[in-house]
Amino acid sequence: MNRMIFNWQQAYFYMENGVMPVERPQVHKKTGKIFFVFDDNETKELYTEWCNRK
C-alpha cells in the first residue's frame, strides 16, 4: 500500500534515512498541494521515529 505525504519535512526525513518515494512528486488535484508517495511498508519504522522526535 502507498501513502501520500504532504509534509515536506516528513518526506525529506524519509529520504535522508534511505527511503525514496515510489513516484515523482505530484500536485493534488483538489487542493493544489504537492505530495510525495511512499511505500507504507518501507516507512513503518521511520514513521514511528518521526512521531517520537523532539
Protein backbone atom coordinates (compact mmCIF):
# COMPACT_ATOMS: atom_id res chain seq x y z
CA MET A 1 0.00 0.00 0.00
CA ASN A 2 1.22 3.51 -0.77
CA ARG A 3 0.88 6.60 1.38
CA MET A 4 0.67 10.23 0.24
CA ILE A 5 2.83 12.57 2.33
CA PHE A 6 2.05 16.29 2.10
CA ASN A 7 4.52 17.31 4.82
CA TRP A 8 7.81 18.23 3.10
CA GLN A 9 9.83 17.84 6.28
CA GLN A 10 8.49 14.33 6.83
CA ALA A 11 9.18 13.39 3.20
CA TYR A 12 12.76 14.67 3.48
CA PHE A 13 13.19 12.80 6.78
CA TYR A 14 12.27 9.57 4.98
CA MET A 15 14.65 10.33 2.12
CA GLU A 16 17.50 11.28 4.48
CA ASN A 17 17.02 7.86 6.07
CA GLY A 18 17.26 5.99 2.78
CA VAL A 19 13.61 5.58 1.72
CA MET A 20 12.87 7.12 -1.66
CA PRO A 21 9.39 7.97 -2.97
CA VAL A 22 7.85 5.37 -5.27
CA GLU A 23 6.68 8.13 -7.66
CA ARG A 24 7.69 11.63 -8.61
CA PRO A 25 6.19 14.44 -6.51
CA GLN A 26 2.68 15.27 -7.69
CA VAL A 27 0.10 18.02 -7.26
CA HIS A 28 -3.19 17.08 -5.58
CA LYS A 29 -5.99 17.92 -8.00
CA LYS A 30 -8.43 19.29 -5.39
CA THR A 31 -6.08 21.12 -3.01
CA GLY A 32 -3.22 22.08 -5.34
CA LYS A 33 -0.71 20.90 -2.71
CA ILE A 34 2.42 18.98 -3.65
CA PHE A 35 2.75 15.49 -2.20
CA PHE A 36 5.15 12.56 -2.23
CA VAL A 37 4.14 8.89 -2.43
CA PHE A 38 5.97 6.36 -0.25
CA ASP A 39 5.57 2.63 0.23
CA ASP A 40 3.81 2.19 3.58
CA ASN A 41 5.81 -0.94 4.50
CA GLU A 42 9.14 0.82 3.89
CA THR A 43 8.23 3.77 6.11
CA LYS A 44 6.64 1.98 9.11
CA GLU A 45 9.68 2.20 11.39
CA LEU A 46 10.61 5.68 10.21
CA TYR A 47 7.05 6.87 10.82
CA THR A 48 7.40 5.83 14.47
CA GLU A 49 10.72 7.69 14.68
CA TRP A 50 9.11 10.73 13.03
CA CYS A 51 6.28 10.74 15.59
CA ASN A 52 8.66 10.33 18.55
CA ARG A 53 11.18 13.00 17.53
CA LYS A 54 11.58 16.12 19.61
